[in-house]
Structures are given as structure tokens and as C-alpha cells.
Amino acid sequence: MDEDEKTSESDFMSAALDELNEEFYRLSGRLYENIELLPEPLYNYISARLTDRYKEAYELLDQTYTVSIRRQRFRQRLRGAYAPWKFLWFKNRAAKEDIADFRLEFGQWLEEREERRREAAEGIESGDGEDEPDSSVTP
């Protein structure tokens, strides 16, 4: 991985995070400007949902960036392990061990991600009422 690719990845993450933060602050500011017009329970509900959406978007950005970094790290480890032995790939134990380590790390990451998705889906299917508005709030 050359410096240009590293810079472009971090620039992308930085720009996407800046955009996400600007949108969150803009929406939070508009909500705060109208605080006097909203009953407190409604304000708290909207604020909580806005924060939840921010966390979800940030997690997606973070996961995207993490996958990108892991790919870069894998490429670097792979290059360092087999660079002098490209023509003897099948006999290069270091490269095989690096690939096995990468598959293990990546597999664990995928399992953790899938578990978080399953938990979120179970929460939605169970109808835990988390996204339901407070009945005492009248729009």
C-alpha cells in the first residue's frame, strides 16, 4: 500500500465523518431552536432517536473504514511475507501462516458483526417498543 492510497482512505473517512457531524449538528441545532414549541417528552424522544441514528451511521462508517484498513494490513503482510518467493508460493510457509491468521481475524470480525445484526433483528422482531413514541406525547 503506497502513501497515496493510505492518504485517500483517511481523507475519505475524515470527509465522511465531517459530513455526518455537520448533518447531526444541523439537525440538533434545529431541534434545540424549537425546544420551546415541543413538549419535553417529545423533545426527549426526538433527541434520543436523532442520537441513535447518528450512532448507527457512525458505526457503518467505522466498519467500512475498519474493513479497508484490514485489507491494507493484509496486503502489506502478504507482500512482506512472500515478496522474495513469489515463484515458490506453494512452499512459502510464512505467507500461508499470514493468510491463515488473516482469515481467522477476518472471520472473527465477521462473526461479531453478524451477532450484532442478529441481536438488532431480534430486538426489532420482538417489538420491544423502543421505536414507539411515548403515549403521553401528543403531536
Protein backbone atom coordinates (compact mmCIF):
# COMPACT_ATOMS: atom_id res chain seq x y z
CA MET A 1 0.00 0.00 0.00
CA ASP A 2 1.57 3.25 -1.04
CA GLU A 3 1.19 6.56 0.79
CA ASP A 4 -1.34 7.92 -1.73
CA GLU A 5 -3.78 5.08 -1.02
CA LYS A 6 -3.37 5.47 2.75
CA THR A 7 -3.97 9.19 2.49
CA SER A 8 -7.02 8.79 0.28
CA GLU A 9 -8.57 6.28 2.73
CA SER A 10 -8.03 8.52 5.74
CA ASP A 11 -9.20 11.56 3.76
CA PHE A 12 -12.37 9.68 2.80
CA MET A 13 -13.05 8.73 6.42
CA SER A 14 -12.35 12.27 7.58
CA ALA A 15 -14.60 13.83 4.94
CA ALA A 16 -17.43 11.36 5.59
CA LEU A 17 -17.17 11.92 9.33
CA ASP A 18 -17.17 15.68 8.86
CA GLU A 19 -20.30 15.42 6.72
CA LEU A 20 -22.01 13.18 9.27
CA ASN A 21 -21.13 15.53 12.13
CA GLU A 22 -22.33 18.60 10.21
CA GLU A 23 -25.68 16.94 9.50
CA PHE A 24 -26.06 15.83 13.13
CA TYR A 25 -25.20 19.28 14.47
CA ARG A 26 -27.54 20.93 11.97
CA LEU A 27 -30.46 18.72 12.97
CA SER A 28 -29.65 19.01 16.67
CA GLY A 29 -29.48 22.78 16.32
CA ARG A 30 -32.87 22.93 14.61
CA LEU A 31 -34.35 20.75 17.34
CA TYR A 32 -32.84 22.99 20.04
CA GLU A 33 -34.15 26.12 18.29
CA ASN A 34 -37.66 24.70 18.55
CA ILE A 35 -37.39 23.40 22.09
CA GLU A 36 -39.96 25.91 23.35
CA LEU A 37 -42.54 24.64 20.85
CA LEU A 38 -42.24 20.98 21.83
CA PRO A 39 -43.42 19.24 24.99
CA GLU A 40 -40.47 17.88 26.96
CA PRO A 41 -41.28 14.17 26.35
CA LEU A 42 -41.48 14.76 22.58
CA TYR A 43 -38.22 16.71 22.61
CA ASN A 44 -36.50 13.92 24.56
CA TYR A 45 -37.89 11.28 22.19
CA ILE A 46 -36.75 13.10 19.06
CA SER A 47 -33.36 13.82 20.60
CA ALA A 48 -32.88 10.15 21.52
CA ARG A 49 -33.87 8.97 18.03
CA LEU A 50 -31.52 11.51 16.44
CA THR A 51 -28.66 10.30 18.63
CA ASP A 52 -29.47 6.67 17.77
CA ARG A 53 -29.38 7.45 14.04
CA TYR A 54 -26.04 9.21 14.46
CA LYS A 55 -24.60 6.19 16.27
CA GLU A 56 -25.83 3.84 13.53
CA ALA A 57 -24.33 5.99 10.76
CA TYR A 58 -21.05 6.32 12.67
CA GLU A 59 -20.88 2.55 13.21
CA LEU A 60 -21.36 1.98 9.48
CA LEU A 61 -18.55 4.44 8.68
CA ASP A 62 -16.32 2.83 11.27
CA GLN A 63 -16.95 -0.67 9.92
CA THR A 64 -16.28 0.46 6.37
CA TYR A 65 -13.03 2.06 7.44
CA THR A 66 -12.06 -0.98 9.53
CA VAL A 67 -12.55 -3.33 6.58
CA SER A 68 -10.45 -1.04 4.42
CA ILE A 69 -7.63 -0.91 6.99
CA ARG A 70 -7.70 -4.69 7.43
CA ARG A 71 -7.43 -5.16 3.68
CA GLN A 72 -4.45 -2.80 3.58
CA ARG A 73 -2.80 -4.59 6.51
CA PHE A 74 -3.36 -7.95 4.84
CA ARG A 75 -1.80 -6.74 1.60
CA GLN A 76 1.23 -5.37 3.46
CA ARG A 77 1.70 -8.54 5.48
CA LEU A 78 1.27 -10.64 2.37
CA ARG A 79 3.80 -8.61 0.40
CA GLY A 80 6.36 -8.75 3.19
CA ALA A 81 5.92 -12.48 3.65
CA TYR A 82 6.25 -13.70 0.09
CA ALA A 83 7.93 -10.91 -1.88
CA PRO A 84 11.22 -12.78 -2.42
CA TRP A 85 9.43 -16.08 -3.03
CA LYS A 86 6.70 -15.19 -5.49
CA PHE A 87 7.59 -18.04 -7.79
CA LEU A 88 7.54 -20.54 -4.85
CA TRP A 89 4.16 -19.50 -3.44
CA PHE A 90 3.11 -23.05 -2.66
CA LYS A 91 6.25 -23.59 -0.50
CA ASN A 92 6.13 -20.30 1.37
CA ARG A 93 5.07 -21.17 4.93
CA ALA A 94 5.21 -17.58 6.17
CA ALA A 95 2.71 -16.44 3.56
CA LYS A 96 0.43 -19.38 4.29
CA GLU A 97 0.53 -18.63 8.01
CA ASP A 98 -0.21 -14.95 7.38
CA ILE A 99 -3.16 -15.86 5.20
CA ALA A 100 -4.43 -18.26 7.86
CA ASP A 101 -4.06 -15.55 10.54
CA PHE A 102 -5.87 -13.05 8.36
CA ARG A 103 -8.71 -15.46 7.66
CA LEU A 104 -9.04 -16.14 11.39
CA GLU A 105 -9.06 -12.42 12.29
CA PHE A 106 -11.45 -11.55 9.50
CA GLY A 107 -13.70 -14.50 10.32
CA GLN A 108 -13.90 -13.41 13.96
CA TRP A 109 -14.74 -9.87 12.89
CA LEU A 110 -17.50 -11.14 10.58
CA GLU A 111 -18.93 -13.34 13.34
CA GLU A 112 -19.03 -10.38 15.76
CA ARG A 113 -20.72 -8.24 13.11
CA GLU A 114 -23.27 -10.94 12.32
CA GLU A 115 -24.01 -11.38 16.03
CA ARG A 116 -24.70 -7.62 16.38
CA ARG A 117 -27.02 -7.80 13.36
CA ARG A 118 -28.86 -10.80 14.80
CA GLU A 119 -29.33 -9.03 18.13
CA ALA A 120 -30.67 -5.95 16.36
CA ALA A 121 -33.04 -8.07 14.26
CA GLU A 122 -34.29 -9.91 17.34
CA GLY A 123 -34.95 -6.58 19.03
CA ILE A 124 -36.98 -5.40 16.05
CA GLU A 125 -38.89 -8.67 15.69
CA SER A 126 -39.70 -8.86 19.39
CA GLY A 127 -41.34 -5.46 19.15
CA ASP A 128 -39.65 -4.20 22.27
CA GLY A 129 -41.30 -0.83 21.67
CA GLU A 130 -38.04 1.04 21.59
CA ASP A 131 -39.01 2.98 18.49
CA GLU A 132 -42.59 3.55 19.57
CA PRO A 133 -43.40 7.08 20.70
CA ASP A 134 -44.44 7.73 24.27
CA SER A 135 -48.24 7.52 24.53
CA SER A 136 -48.29 10.60 26.74
CA VAL A 137 -46.86 12.68 23.89
CA THR A 138 -49.40 14.27 21.57
CA PRO A 139 -48.07 15.52 18.26
